[in-house]
């Protein structure tokens, strides 16, 4: 019986284990290799991924690109205000988080720079705001790029030089407000090396929003509601998955966002190209239809991401152990061995 209580996904994570800065080189982060069927774990560097992938495997990458979604502005009184853009819901109209929110009721005008301002046109039940952006001198998207900052996570010691490292080297489709962090470990050389050894690559797009990281606040995890996130799955990627399955290769998802895109698109039983929004929430009891192996970072306690990797481990758990137990055991070993957790942290490869 799957454990579906929030407390079942809790563990003590020392604050010192949350990575504050990225590894010196992307592919020099550490890699814990977890073999689901036996529970065996190996400790390597990320560049050693080449030794675990085989000709005929397919690496599925999320090519979303993080936008400079954090804006700082002033109200008419001169008071400072911070805006985090979440999603463009209509032309130049954005759903956003505003801080301090109590100082931004409907009708508030926020000035971000010369000729660039936003008006709060609605307040959502969860406290987020709808903001209509206007720019006199250039298109709004260009104004955002000029005045905005990349929204590095609030729990890390942000340095200007880390902004480039908060994008994957294959980021292409603008729209995310958080990076698909499992992909941050790849370098162009590592990708070229994998392709040279016969590993195919394909892309999906899922624009990561804050919903992926939204805390679970209900004890019965099945009652948690995911925020929607926009995705796109091309016919070319669907064909690549089908070729891989036919030749006996493995579909290796890079990150939970790639997992959620593929599994959402296969809910009918057939992987289907398309685009739209997904709220798919994967927790133990879910049966995977597409993904055979997973590259992902170490996740926080009580998170939907920990539930997803527990569900994945549950597909082939060691005898006498659940996938959740395997993951919590692996995480405890990672803490003891001083692996680094979360966005700029180390990675796991689940085989």
C-alpha atoms as a PDB file:
ATOM      1  CA  UNK A   1       0.000   0.000   0.000  1.00  0.00           C
ATOM      2  CA  UNK A   2       1.468   3.358  -1.032  1.00  0.00           C
ATOM      3  CA  UNK A   3       2.307   5.822   1.753  1.00  0.00           C
ATOM      4  CA  UNK A   4       0.220   8.897   1.019  1.00  0.00           C
ATOM      5  CA  UNK A   5       0.650  10.993   4.152  1.00  0.00           C
ATOM      6  CA  UNK A   6       2.738  14.143   3.989  1.00  0.00           C
ATOM      7  CA  UNK A   7       4.727  13.108   7.055  1.00  0.00           C
ATOM      8  CA  UNK A   8       5.831   9.955   5.198  1.00  0.00           C
ATOM      9  CA  UNK A   9       7.967  12.219   2.965  1.00  0.00           C
ATOM     10  CA  UNK A  10       9.665  14.163   5.699  1.00  0.00           C
ATOM     11  CA  UNK A  11      13.336  13.909   6.604  1.00  0.00           C
ATOM     12  CA  UNK A  12      15.874  16.123   8.343  1.00  0.00           C
ATOM     13  CA  UNK A  13      17.871  18.132   5.815  1.00  0.00           C
ATOM     14  CA  UNK A  14      20.664  20.169   7.429  1.00  0.00           C
ATOM     15  CA  UNK A  15      20.702  23.703   6.050  1.00  0.00           C
ATOM     16  CA  UNK A  16      24.377  23.244   5.167  1.00  0.00           C
ATOM     17  CA  UNK A  17      23.420  20.592   2.605  1.00  0.00           C
ATOM     18  CA  UNK A  18      21.432  23.066   0.443  1.00  0.00           C
ATOM     19  CA  UNK A  19      23.811  24.208  -2.288  1.00  0.00           C
ATOM     20  CA  UNK A  20      24.423  27.958  -2.243  1.00  0.00           C
ATOM     21  CA  UNK A  21      26.569  28.147  -5.382  1.00  0.00           C
ATOM     22  CA  UNK A  22      26.994  25.877  -8.406  1.00  0.00           C
ATOM     23  CA  UNK A  23      29.901  23.479  -8.848  1.00  0.00           C
ATOM     24  CA  UNK A  24      32.956  25.048 -10.482  1.00  0.00           C
ATOM     25  CA  UNK A  25      32.184  23.156 -13.694  1.00  0.00           C
ATOM     26  CA  UNK A  26      28.718  21.971 -14.583  1.00  0.00           C
ATOM     27  CA  UNK A  27      29.697  18.325 -15.107  1.00  0.00           C
ATOM     28  CA  UNK A  28      31.868  18.172 -11.979  1.00  0.00           C
ATOM     29  CA  UNK A  29      28.866  17.997  -9.680  1.00  0.00           C
ATOM     30  CA  UNK A  30      28.481  14.643  -7.970  1.00  0.00           C
ATOM     31  CA  UNK A  31      26.235  11.840  -9.202  1.00  0.00           C
ATOM     32  CA  UNK A  32      24.594   9.176  -7.067  1.00  0.00           C
ATOM     33  CA  UNK A  33      23.604   6.221  -9.232  1.00  0.00           C
ATOM     34  CA  UNK A  34      20.630   4.337  -7.763  1.00  0.00           C
ATOM     35  CA  UNK A  35      19.689   0.911  -9.103  1.00  0.00           C
ATOM     36  CA  UNK A  36      16.029   0.556  -8.292  1.00  0.00           C
ATOM     37  CA  UNK A  37      15.742  -3.237  -8.433  1.00  0.00           C
ATOM     38  CA  UNK A  38      18.611  -3.941  -6.032  1.00  0.00           C
ATOM     39  CA  UNK A  39      18.910  -0.719  -4.024  1.00  0.00           C
ATOM     40  CA  UNK A  40      22.617  -0.531  -4.875  1.00  0.00           C
ATOM     41  CA  UNK A  41      24.159   2.925  -4.967  1.00  0.00           C
ATOM     42  CA  UNK A  42      27.325   4.164  -6.638  1.00  0.00           C
ATOM     43  CA  UNK A  43      29.045   7.512  -6.127  1.00  0.00           C
ATOM     44  CA  UNK A  44      30.474   9.209  -9.189  1.00  0.00           C
ATOM     45  CA  UNK A  45      30.824  12.569 -10.936  1.00  0.00           C
ATOM     46  CA  UNK A  46      28.165  13.774 -13.365  1.00  0.00           C
ATOM     47  CA  UNK A  47      30.463  13.457 -16.371  1.00  0.00           C
ATOM     48  CA  UNK A  48      30.555   9.697 -15.649  1.00  0.00           C
ATOM     49  CA  UNK A  49      26.960   9.553 -16.911  1.00  0.00           C
ATOM     50  CA  UNK A  50      28.506   8.333 -20.180  1.00  0.00           C
ATOM     51  CA  UNK A  51      29.345   5.023 -18.527  1.00  0.00           C
ATOM     52  CA  UNK A  52      25.711   4.300 -17.684  1.00  0.00           C
ATOM     53  CA  UNK A  53      24.019   5.224 -20.956  1.00  0.00           C
ATOM     54  CA  UNK A  54      24.161   2.910 -23.950  1.00  0.00           C
ATOM     55  CA  UNK A  55      23.845   3.230 -27.737  1.00  0.00           C
ATOM     56  CA  UNK A  56      20.165   3.294 -28.562  1.00  0.00           C
ATOM     57  CA  UNK A  57      19.120   5.118 -25.379  1.00  0.00           C
ATOM     58  CA  UNK A  58      17.188   8.391 -25.706  1.00  0.00           C
ATOM     59  CA  UNK A  59      17.945  11.378 -23.488  1.00  0.00           C
ATOM     60  CA  UNK A  60      14.888  13.658 -23.223  1.00  0.00           C
ATOM     61  CA  UNK A  61      15.756  17.274 -22.340  1.00  0.00           C
ATOM     62  CA  UNK A  62      13.461  20.130 -21.310  1.00  0.00           C
ATOM     63  CA  UNK A  63      14.496  23.084 -23.484  1.00  0.00           C
ATOM     64  CA  UNK A  64      12.590  25.757 -21.554  1.00  0.00           C
ATOM     65  CA  UNK A  65      14.462  28.996 -20.880  1.00  0.00           C
ATOM     66  CA  UNK A  66      14.142  31.021 -17.688  1.00  0.00           C
ATOM     67  CA  UNK A  67      12.999  34.586 -18.273  1.00  0.00           C
ATOM     68  CA  UNK A  68      14.253  37.586 -16.219  1.00  0.00           C
ATOM     69  CA  UNK A  69      11.007  37.434 -14.282  1.00  0.00           C
ATOM     70  CA  UNK A  70      11.966  39.389 -11.161  1.00  0.00           C
ATOM     71  CA  UNK A  71      11.243  43.127 -11.444  1.00  0.00           C
ATOM     72  CA  UNK A  72      11.842  45.864  -8.899  1.00  0.00           C
ATOM     73  CA  UNK A  73       9.732  48.991  -9.055  1.00  0.00           C
ATOM     74  CA  UNK A  74       8.220  51.822  -7.081  1.00  0.00           C
ATOM     75  CA  UNK A  75       4.676  52.873  -6.249  1.00  0.00           C
ATOM     76  CA  UNK A  76       3.475  56.466  -6.573  1.00  0.00           C
ATOM     77  CA  UNK A  77       4.617  57.082  -2.979  1.00  0.00           C
ATOM     78  CA  UNK A  78       8.167  56.100  -3.914  1.00  0.00           C
ATOM     79  CA  UNK A  79       7.990  52.896  -1.851  1.00  0.00           C
ATOM     80  CA  UNK A  80       9.904  49.939  -3.308  1.00  0.00           C
ATOM     81  CA  UNK A  81       7.994  46.890  -4.489  1.00  0.00           C
ATOM     82  CA  UNK A  82       9.071  43.532  -5.941  1.00  0.00           C
ATOM     83  CA  UNK A  83       7.206  41.679  -8.679  1.00  0.00           C
ATOM     84  CA  UNK A  84       7.802  38.081  -9.775  1.00  0.00           C
ATOM     85  CA  UNK A  85       6.161  37.368 -13.115  1.00  0.00           C
ATOM     86  CA  UNK A  86       4.655  33.866 -13.244  1.00  0.00           C
ATOM     87  CA  UNK A  87       2.739  33.520 -16.493  1.00  0.00           C
ATOM     88  CA  UNK A  88       1.495  35.683 -19.341  1.00  0.00           C
ATOM     89  CA  UNK A  89      -2.264  35.056 -19.348  1.00  0.00           C
ATOM     90  CA  UNK A  90      -3.142  37.571 -22.086  1.00  0.00           C
ATOM     91  CA  UNK A  91      -1.180  40.021 -24.207  1.00  0.00           C
ATOM     92  CA  UNK A  92       1.183  41.843 -21.785  1.00  0.00           C
ATOM     93  CA  UNK A  93      -1.028  40.790 -18.851  1.00  0.00           C
ATOM     94  CA  UNK A  94       0.819  38.663 -16.299  1.00  0.00           C
ATOM     95  CA  UNK A  95      -0.046  36.639 -13.264  1.00  0.00           C
ATOM     96  CA  UNK A  96       2.523  37.688 -10.674  1.00  0.00           C
ATOM     97  CA  UNK A  97       3.549  37.542  -7.058  1.00  0.00           C
ATOM     98  CA  UNK A  98       3.973  40.986  -5.485  1.00  0.00           C
ATOM     99  CA  UNK A  99       5.865  41.803  -2.305  1.00  0.00           C
ATOM    100  CA  UNK A 100       4.625  43.401  -0.137  1.00  0.00           C
ATOM    101  CA  UNK A 101       1.251  42.317  -1.504  1.00  0.00           C
ATOM    102  CA  UNK A 102      -0.794  44.332   0.975  1.00  0.00           C
ATOM    103  CA  UNK A 103       0.679  47.476  -0.599  1.00  0.00           C
ATOM    104  CA  UNK A 104      -0.565  46.539  -4.065  1.00  0.00           C
ATOM    105  CA  UNK A 105      -4.372  46.540  -4.186  1.00  0.00           C
ATOM    106  CA  UNK A 106      -6.214  46.693  -7.485  1.00  0.00           C
ATOM    107  CA  UNK A 107      -5.428  49.947  -9.289  1.00  0.00           C
ATOM    108  CA  UNK A 108      -1.857  50.235  -7.989  1.00  0.00           C
ATOM    109  CA  UNK A 109       0.601  51.528 -10.602  1.00  0.00           C
ATOM    110  CA  UNK A 110       4.174  50.227 -10.349  1.00  0.00           C
ATOM    111  CA  UNK A 111       6.968  51.979 -12.274  1.00  0.00           C
ATOM    112  CA  UNK A 112       9.904  49.760 -13.255  1.00  0.00           C
ATOM    113  CA  UNK A 113      11.867  52.193 -15.397  1.00  0.00           C
ATOM    114  CA  UNK A 114      11.498  55.052 -17.887  1.00  0.00           C
ATOM    115  CA  UNK A 115       8.378  54.366 -19.925  1.00  0.00           C
ATOM    116  CA  UNK A 116       7.884  50.921 -18.359  1.00  0.00           C
ATOM    117  CA  UNK A 117       5.132  50.358 -15.774  1.00  0.00           C
ATOM    118  CA  UNK A 118       2.446  47.941 -14.690  1.00  0.00           C
ATOM    119  CA  UNK A 119      -1.043  48.326 -13.249  1.00  0.00           C
ATOM    120  CA  UNK A 120      -2.587  45.813 -10.848  1.00  0.00           C
ATOM    121  CA  UNK A 121      -5.876  44.912 -12.541  1.00  0.00           C
ATOM    122  CA  UNK A 122      -6.922  42.010 -10.351  1.00  0.00           C
ATOM    123  CA  UNK A 123      -6.231  40.163  -7.107  1.00  0.00           C
ATOM    124  CA  UNK A 124      -6.538  36.364  -7.158  1.00  0.00           C
ATOM    125  CA  UNK A 125      -7.873  34.286  -4.219  1.00  0.00           C
ATOM    126  CA  UNK A 126      -4.363  32.983  -3.463  1.00  0.00           C
ATOM    127  CA  UNK A 127      -3.002  36.534  -3.194  1.00  0.00           C
ATOM    128  CA  UNK A 128      -1.274  36.651  -6.586  1.00  0.00           C
ATOM    129  CA  UNK A 129      -1.916  39.675  -8.812  1.00  0.00           C
ATOM    130  CA  UNK A 130      -2.861  40.268 -12.414  1.00  0.00           C
ATOM    131  CA  UNK A 131      -0.634  43.033 -13.753  1.00  0.00           C
ATOM    132  CA  UNK A 132      -1.047  44.778 -17.097  1.00  0.00           C
ATOM    133  CA  UNK A 133       2.388  45.838 -18.325  1.00  0.00           C
ATOM    134  CA  UNK A 134       2.941  48.797 -20.642  1.00  0.00           C
ATOM    135  CA  UNK A 135       6.120  50.019 -22.301  1.00  0.00           C
ATOM    136  CA  UNK A 136       6.383  53.250 -24.263  1.00  0.00           C
ATOM    137  CA  UNK A 137       9.852  52.840 -25.777  1.00  0.00           C
ATOM    138  CA  UNK A 138      10.053  49.163 -26.751  1.00  0.00           C
ATOM    139  CA  UNK A 139       7.946  45.976 -26.784  1.00  0.00           C
ATOM    140  CA  UNK A 140       7.043  44.744 -23.309  1.00  0.00           C
ATOM    141  CA  UNK A 141       9.115  41.569 -23.669  1.00  0.00           C
ATOM    142  CA  UNK A 142      12.183  43.678 -24.444  1.00  0.00           C
ATOM    143  CA  UNK A 143      11.437  45.919 -21.467  1.00  0.00           C
ATOM    144  CA  UNK A 144      11.236  42.861 -19.205  1.00  0.00           C
ATOM    145  CA  UNK A 145      14.591  41.651 -20.545  1.00  0.00           C
ATOM    146  CA  UNK A 146      16.121  45.100 -19.957  1.00  0.00           C
ATOM    147  CA  UNK A 147      14.827  45.719 -16.443  1.00  0.00           C
ATOM    148  CA  UNK A 148      14.262  42.209 -15.083  1.00  0.00           C
ATOM    149  CA  UNK A 149      16.559  39.845 -13.231  1.00  0.00           C
ATOM    150  CA  UNK A 150      16.787  36.071 -13.438  1.00  0.00           C
ATOM    151  CA  UNK A 151      14.795  34.779 -10.444  1.00  0.00           C
ATOM    152  CA  UNK A 152      17.461  32.802  -8.612  1.00  0.00           C
ATOM    153  CA  UNK A 153      15.894  30.820  -5.756  1.00  0.00           C
ATOM    154  CA  UNK A 154      15.547  32.814  -2.527  1.00  0.00           C
ATOM    155  CA  UNK A 155      17.314  30.207  -0.385  1.00  0.00           C
ATOM    156  CA  UNK A 156      20.706  30.572  -2.108  1.00  0.00           C
ATOM    157  CA  UNK A 157      23.327  33.278  -1.770  1.00  0.00           C
ATOM    158  CA  UNK A 158      22.794  34.855  -5.178  1.00  0.00           C
ATOM    159  CA  UNK A 159      25.864  36.133  -7.004  1.00  0.00           C
ATOM    160  CA  UNK A 160      25.718  37.994 -10.336  1.00  0.00           C
ATOM    161  CA  UNK A 161      27.993  35.404 -11.952  1.00  0.00           C
ATOM    162  CA  UNK A 162      25.530  32.616 -11.103  1.00  0.00           C
ATOM    163  CA  UNK A 163      22.822  33.899 -13.454  1.00  0.00           C
ATOM    164  CA  UNK A 164      24.312  32.185 -16.511  1.00  0.00           C
ATOM    165  CA  UNK A 165      24.572  28.954 -14.552  1.00  0.00           C
ATOM    166  CA  UNK A 166      20.828  29.046 -13.853  1.00  0.00           C
ATOM    167  CA  UNK A 167      20.135  28.255 -17.523  1.00  0.00           C
ATOM    168  CA  UNK A 168      20.760  24.931 -19.202  1.00  0.00           C
ATOM    169  CA  UNK A 169      23.188  25.012 -22.127  1.00  0.00           C
ATOM    170  CA  UNK A 170      20.320  23.889 -24.377  1.00  0.00           C
ATOM    171  CA  UNK A 171      17.701  26.405 -23.129  1.00  0.00           C
ATOM    172  CA  UNK A 172      15.761  27.698 -26.116  1.00  0.00           C
ATOM    173  CA  UNK A 173      12.053  28.325 -25.468  1.00  0.00           C
ATOM    174  CA  UNK A 174      11.466  31.336 -23.181  1.00  0.00           C
ATOM    175  CA  UNK A 175       8.788  31.037 -20.538  1.00  0.00           C
ATOM    176  CA  UNK A 176      10.025  29.433 -17.293  1.00  0.00           C
ATOM    177  CA  UNK A 177      10.348  31.218 -13.964  1.00  0.00           C
ATOM    178  CA  UNK A 178      12.472  28.413 -12.497  1.00  0.00           C
ATOM    179  CA  UNK A 179      15.157  26.331 -14.179  1.00  0.00           C
ATOM    180  CA  UNK A 180      14.731  22.621 -14.936  1.00  0.00           C
ATOM    181  CA  UNK A 181      17.674  22.030 -12.635  1.00  0.00           C
ATOM    182  CA  UNK A 182      18.593  18.452 -13.552  1.00  0.00           C
ATOM    183  CA  UNK A 183      19.762  19.823 -16.891  1.00  0.00           C
ATOM    184  CA  UNK A 184      22.150  22.337 -15.345  1.00  0.00           C
ATOM    185  CA  UNK A 185      24.859  19.647 -15.096  1.00  0.00           C
ATOM    186  CA  UNK A 186      25.218  19.145 -18.851  1.00  0.00           C
ATOM    187  CA  UNK A 187      27.960  20.794 -20.909  1.00  0.00           C
ATOM    188  CA  UNK A 188      28.088  20.988 -24.718  1.00  0.00           C
ATOM    189  CA  UNK A 189      31.071  18.601 -24.635  1.00  0.00           C
ATOM    190  CA  UNK A 190      29.221  16.043 -22.525  1.00  0.00           C
ATOM    191  CA  UNK A 191      26.191  16.135 -24.824  1.00  0.00           C
ATOM    192  CA  UNK A 192      28.437  15.787 -27.885  1.00  0.00           C
ATOM    193  CA  UNK A 193      30.213  12.840 -26.275  1.00  0.00           C
ATOM    194  CA  UNK A 194      26.926  11.099 -25.521  1.00  0.00           C
ATOM    195  CA  UNK A 195      25.690  11.574 -29.064  1.00  0.00           C
ATOM    196  CA  UNK A 196      29.015  10.262 -30.422  1.00  0.00           C
ATOM    197  CA  UNK A 197      28.538   7.044 -28.452  1.00  0.00           C
ATOM    198  CA  UNK A 198      25.091   6.516 -29.958  1.00  0.00           C
ATOM    199  CA  UNK A 199      22.809   8.123 -27.351  1.00  0.00           C
ATOM    200  CA  UNK A 200      20.035  10.035 -29.101  1.00  0.00           C
ATOM    201  CA  UNK A 201      18.615  13.290 -27.710  1.00  0.00           C
ATOM    202  CA  UNK A 202      15.157  14.832 -28.024  1.00  0.00           C
ATOM    203  CA  UNK A 203      13.436  17.848 -26.482  1.00  0.00           C
ATOM    204  CA  UNK A 204      10.208  18.639 -24.713  1.00  0.00           C
ATOM    205  CA  UNK A 205       9.146  22.029 -23.372  1.00  0.00           C
ATOM    206  CA  UNK A 206       7.581  22.541 -19.973  1.00  0.00           C
ATOM    207  CA  UNK A 207       7.700  26.082 -18.664  1.00  0.00           C
ATOM    208  CA  UNK A 208       8.483  25.500 -15.013  1.00  0.00           C
ATOM    209  CA  UNK A 209       6.360  27.611 -12.707  1.00  0.00           C
ATOM    210  CA  UNK A 210       6.279  28.006  -8.963  1.00  0.00           C
ATOM    211  CA  UNK A 211       3.598  25.323  -8.798  1.00  0.00           C
ATOM    212  CA  UNK A 212       6.258  22.647  -9.142  1.00  0.00           C
ATOM    213  CA  UNK A 213       7.871  23.906  -5.933  1.00  0.00           C
ATOM    214  CA  UNK A 214       4.707  24.955  -4.110  1.00  0.00           C
ATOM    215  CA  UNK A 215       4.701  23.466  -0.594  1.00  0.00           C
ATOM    216  CA  UNK A 216       2.266  20.647   0.131  1.00  0.00           C
ATOM    217  CA  UNK A 217       0.124  21.790   3.052  1.00  0.00           C
ATOM    218  CA  UNK A 218      -2.382  18.919   3.320  1.00  0.00           C
ATOM    219  CA  UNK A 219      -1.614  15.725   5.239  1.00  0.00           C
ATOM    220  CA  UNK A 220      -3.405  13.588   2.615  1.00  0.00           C
ATOM    221  CA  UNK A 221      -1.116  14.202  -0.353  1.00  0.00           C
ATOM    222  CA  UNK A 222      -3.787  13.095  -2.829  1.00  0.00           C
ATOM    223  CA  UNK A 223      -5.689  16.281  -1.916  1.00  0.00           C
ATOM    224  CA  UNK A 224      -2.823  18.536  -3.052  1.00  0.00           C
ATOM    225  CA  UNK A 225      -3.586  20.543  -6.200  1.00  0.00           C
ATOM    226  CA  UNK A 226      -0.781  21.275  -8.650  1.00  0.00           C
ATOM    227  CA  UNK A 227      -0.710  24.611 -10.463  1.00  0.00           C
ATOM    228  CA  UNK A 228      -0.918  24.305 -14.224  1.00  0.00           C
ATOM    229  CA  UNK A 229       2.218  24.639 -16.342  1.00  0.00           C
ATOM    230  CA  UNK A 230       2.440  25.076 -20.097  1.00  0.00           C
ATOM    231  CA  UNK A 231       4.021  22.310 -22.161  1.00  0.00           C
ATOM    232  CA  UNK A 232       4.717  21.321 -25.741  1.00  0.00           C
ATOM    233  CA  UNK A 233       5.547  17.850 -27.082  1.00  0.00           C
ATOM    234  CA  UNK A 234       6.510  17.650 -30.746  1.00  0.00           C
ATOM    235  CA  UNK A 235       5.741  14.857 -33.187  1.00  0.00           C
ATOM    236  CA  UNK A 236       9.508  14.477 -33.688  1.00  0.00           C
ATOM    237  CA  UNK A 237      10.041  13.692 -30.013  1.00  0.00           C
ATOM    238  CA  UNK A 238       7.123  11.246 -29.976  1.00  0.00           C
ATOM    239  CA  UNK A 239       8.683   9.474 -32.969  1.00  0.00           C
ATOM    240  CA  UNK A 240      12.063   9.391 -31.211  1.00  0.00           C
ATOM    241  CA  UNK A 241      10.458   7.753 -28.161  1.00  0.00           C
ATOM    242  CA  UNK A 242       8.725   5.192 -30.350  1.00  0.00           C
ATOM    243  CA  UNK A 243      11.964   4.339 -32.185  1.00  0.00           C
ATOM    244  CA  UNK A 244      13.752   3.940 -28.861  1.00  0.00           C
ATOM    245  CA  UNK A 245      11.113   1.571 -27.488  1.00  0.00           C
ATOM    246  CA  UNK A 246      11.099  -0.476 -30.696  1.00  0.00           C
ATOM    247  CA  UNK A 247      14.875  -1.010 -30.619  1.00  0.00           C
ATOM    248  CA  UNK A 248      14.905  -1.893 -26.934  1.00  0.00           C
ATOM    249  CA  UNK A 249      16.545   1.332 -25.764  1.00  0.00           C
ATOM    250  CA  UNK A 250      15.692   3.293 -22.653  1.00  0.00           C
ATOM    251  CA  UNK A 251      13.882   6.622 -22.458  1.00  0.00           C
ATOM    252  CA  UNK A 252      15.990   8.626 -19.993  1.00  0.00           C
ATOM    253  CA  UNK A 253      14.180  11.730 -18.751  1.00  0.00           C
ATOM    254  CA  UNK A 254      16.348  14.638 -17.626  1.00  0.00           C
ATOM    255  CA  UNK A 255      14.426  16.130 -14.741  1.00  0.00           C
ATOM    256  CA  UNK A 256      10.979  15.795 -13.263  1.00  0.00           C
ATOM    257  CA  UNK A 257       9.636  18.345 -15.760  1.00  0.00           C
ATOM    258  CA  UNK A 258      10.541  16.046 -18.666  1.00  0.00           C
ATOM    259  CA  UNK A 259       8.912  13.156 -16.790  1.00  0.00           C
ATOM    260  CA  UNK A 260       5.708  15.100 -16.240  1.00  0.00           C
ATOM    261  CA  UNK A 261       5.520  16.220 -19.870  1.00  0.00           C
ATOM    262  CA  UNK A 262       5.957  12.699 -21.252  1.00  0.00           C
ATOM    263  CA  UNK A 263       3.658  11.040 -18.750  1.00  0.00           C
ATOM    264  CA  UNK A 264       0.949  13.700 -19.160  1.00  0.00           C
ATOM    265  CA  UNK A 265       0.987  13.173 -22.924  1.00  0.00           C
ATOM    266  CA  UNK A 266       0.645   9.393 -22.478  1.00  0.00           C
ATOM    267  CA  UNK A 267      -2.330   9.364 -20.102  1.00  0.00           C
ATOM    268  CA  UNK A 268      -4.580   7.959 -22.805  1.00  0.00           C
ATOM    269  CA  UNK A 269      -2.238   4.980 -23.115  1.00  0.00           C
ATOM    270  CA  UNK A 270      -0.651   6.321 -26.293  1.00  0.00           C
ATOM    271  CA  UNK A 271       2.044   9.012 -26.317  1.00  0.00           C
ATOM    272  CA  UNK A 272       0.527  11.875 -28.307  1.00  0.00           C
ATOM    273  CA  UNK A 273       2.112  15.131 -29.506  1.00  0.00           C
ATOM    274  CA  UNK A 274       0.464  18.386 -28.542  1.00  0.00           C
ATOM    275  CA  UNK A 275       0.610  21.465 -26.359  1.00  0.00           C
ATOM    276  CA  UNK A 276      -1.411  22.977 -23.574  1.00  0.00           C
ATOM    277  CA  UNK A 277      -1.359  22.911 -19.799  1.00  0.00           C
ATOM    278  CA  UNK A 278      -0.688  20.090 -17.374  1.00  0.00           C
ATOM    279  CA  UNK A 279      -1.450  19.659 -13.700  1.00  0.00           C
ATOM    280  CA  UNK A 280      -0.245  16.069 -13.515  1.00  0.00           C
ATOM    281  CA  UNK A 281       0.747  15.084  -9.978  1.00  0.00           C
ATOM    282  CA  UNK A 282       2.784  11.883  -9.753  1.00  0.00           C
ATOM    283  CA  UNK A 283       3.009  10.098  -6.414  1.00  0.00           C
ATOM    284  CA  UNK A 284       3.358   6.432  -5.344  1.00  0.00           C
ATOM    285  CA  UNK A 285       0.709   4.279  -6.941  1.00  0.00           C
ATOM    286  CA  UNK A 286       1.233   5.920 -10.344  1.00  0.00           C
ATOM    287  CA  UNK A 287       2.249   3.537 -13.147  1.00  0.00           C
ATOM    288  CA  UNK A 288       4.784   5.024 -15.563  1.00  0.00           C
ATOM    289  CA  UNK A 289       4.042   4.574 -19.258  1.00  0.00           C
ATOM    290  CA  UNK A 290       7.057   6.167 -20.968  1.00  0.00           C
ATOM    291  CA  UNK A 291      10.077   6.878 -18.752  1.00  0.00           C
ATOM    292  CA  UNK A 292      12.621   4.089 -18.095  1.00  0.00           C
ATOM    293  CA  UNK A 293      15.410   5.998 -16.308  1.00  0.00           C
ATOM    294  CA  UNK A 294      15.659   9.393 -14.661  1.00  0.00           C
ATOM    295  CA  UNK A 295      18.302  12.054 -14.060  1.00  0.00           C
ATOM    296  CA  UNK A 296      17.217  14.409 -11.291  1.00  0.00           C
ATOM    297  CA  UNK A 297      18.590  16.495  -8.435  1.00  0.00           C
ATOM    298  CA  UNK A 298      18.099  15.872  -4.720  1.00  0.00           C
ATOM    299  CA  UNK A 299      14.783  17.325  -3.590  1.00  0.00           C
ATOM    300  CA  UNK A 300      13.451  18.915  -0.426  1.00  0.00           C
ATOM    301  CA  UNK A 301      11.442  17.171   2.323  1.00  0.00           C
ATOM    302  CA  UNK A 302       7.664  16.962   1.870  1.00  0.00           C
ATOM    303  CA  UNK A 303       7.901  18.083  -1.777  1.00  0.00           C
ATOM    304  CA  UNK A 304       5.905  16.857  -4.761  1.00  0.00           C
ATOM    305  CA  UNK A 305       9.266  16.167  -6.418  1.00  0.00           C
ATOM    306  CA  UNK A 306      10.270  13.718  -3.681  1.00  0.00           C
ATOM    307  CA  UNK A 307       6.891  12.024  -4.147  1.00  0.00           C
ATOM    308  CA  UNK A 308       7.525  11.734  -7.887  1.00  0.00           C
ATOM    309  CA  UNK A 309      10.942  10.094  -7.506  1.00  0.00           C
ATOM    310  CA  UNK A 310       9.486   7.786  -4.835  1.00  0.00           C
ATOM    311  CA  UNK A 311       6.813   6.755  -7.327  1.00  0.00           C
ATOM    312  CA  UNK A 312       9.490   6.116  -9.938  1.00  0.00           C
ATOM    313  CA  UNK A 313      11.539   4.031  -7.504  1.00  0.00           C
ATOM    314  CA  UNK A 314       8.370   2.079  -6.738  1.00  0.00           C
ATOM    315  CA  UNK A 315       8.280   0.648 -10.263  1.00  0.00           C
ATOM    316  CA  UNK A 316      11.068  -1.845  -9.481  1.00  0.00           C
ATOM    317  CA  UNK A 317      11.803  -1.633  -5.758  1.00  0.00           C
ATOM    318  CA  UNK A 318      14.240  -3.962  -3.987  1.00  0.00           C
ATOM    319  CA  UNK A 319      12.672  -6.971  -2.305  1.00  0.00           C
ATOM    320  CA  UNK A 320      11.020  -6.038   0.968  1.00  0.00           C
ATOM    321  CA  UNK A 321      11.317  -2.296   0.400  1.00  0.00           C
ATOM    322  CA  UNK A 322       9.104   0.403  -1.106  1.00  0.00           C
ATOM    323  CA  UNK A 323      10.345   3.051  -3.496  1.00  0.00           C
ATOM    324  CA  UNK A 324       9.759   5.701  -0.827  1.00  0.00           C
ATOM    325  CA  UNK A 325      11.914   3.757   1.625  1.00  0.00           C
ATOM    326  CA  UNK A 326      14.645   3.382  -0.995  1.00  0.00           C
ATOM    327  CA  UNK A 327      14.651   7.119  -1.700  1.00  0.00           C
ATOM    328  CA  UNK A 328      14.694   8.154   1.966  1.00  0.00           C
ATOM    329  CA  UNK A 329      17.523   5.689   2.593  1.00  0.00           C
ATOM    330  CA  UNK A 330      19.427   7.082  -0.421  1.00  0.00           C
ATOM    331  CA  UNK A 331      18.850  10.662   0.729  1.00  0.00           C
ATOM    332  CA  UNK A 332      20.125   9.853   4.208  1.00  0.00           C
ATOM    333  CA  UNK A 333      23.285   8.418   2.677  1.00  0.00           C
ATOM    334  CA  UNK A 334      23.599  11.533   0.514  1.00  0.00           C
ATOM    335  CA  UNK A 335      23.400  13.735   3.619  1.00  0.00           C
ATOM    336  CA  UNK A 336      26.032  11.643   5.394  1.00  0.00           C
ATOM    337  CA  UNK A 337      28.332  11.813   2.357  1.00  0.00           C
ATOM    338  CA  UNK A 338      27.777  15.567   2.074  1.00  0.00           C
ATOM    339  CA  UNK A 339      26.028  15.654  -1.287  1.00  0.00           C
ATOM    340  CA  UNK A 340      24.548  19.049  -2.144  1.00  0.00           C
ATOM    341  CA  UNK A 341      20.780  19.400  -2.459  1.00  0.00           C
ATOM    342  CA  UNK A 342      18.352  21.323  -4.635  1.00  0.00           C
ATOM    343  CA  UNK A 343      18.769  23.728  -7.561  1.00  0.00           C
ATOM    344  CA  UNK A 344      22.565  24.147  -7.615  1.00  0.00           C
ATOM    345  CA  UNK A 345      23.125  20.782  -5.968  1.00  0.00           C
ATOM    346  CA  UNK A 346      24.228  17.334  -7.097  1.00  0.00           C
ATOM    347  CA  UNK A 347      22.318  14.775  -9.136  1.00  0.00           C
ATOM    348  CA  UNK A 348      20.977  11.243  -9.064  1.00  0.00           C
ATOM    349  CA  UNK A 349      20.661   8.759 -11.896  1.00  0.00           C
ATOM    350  CA  UNK A 350      17.855   6.280 -11.266  1.00  0.00           C
ATOM    351  CA  UNK A 351      18.218   3.131 -13.335  1.00  0.00           C
END
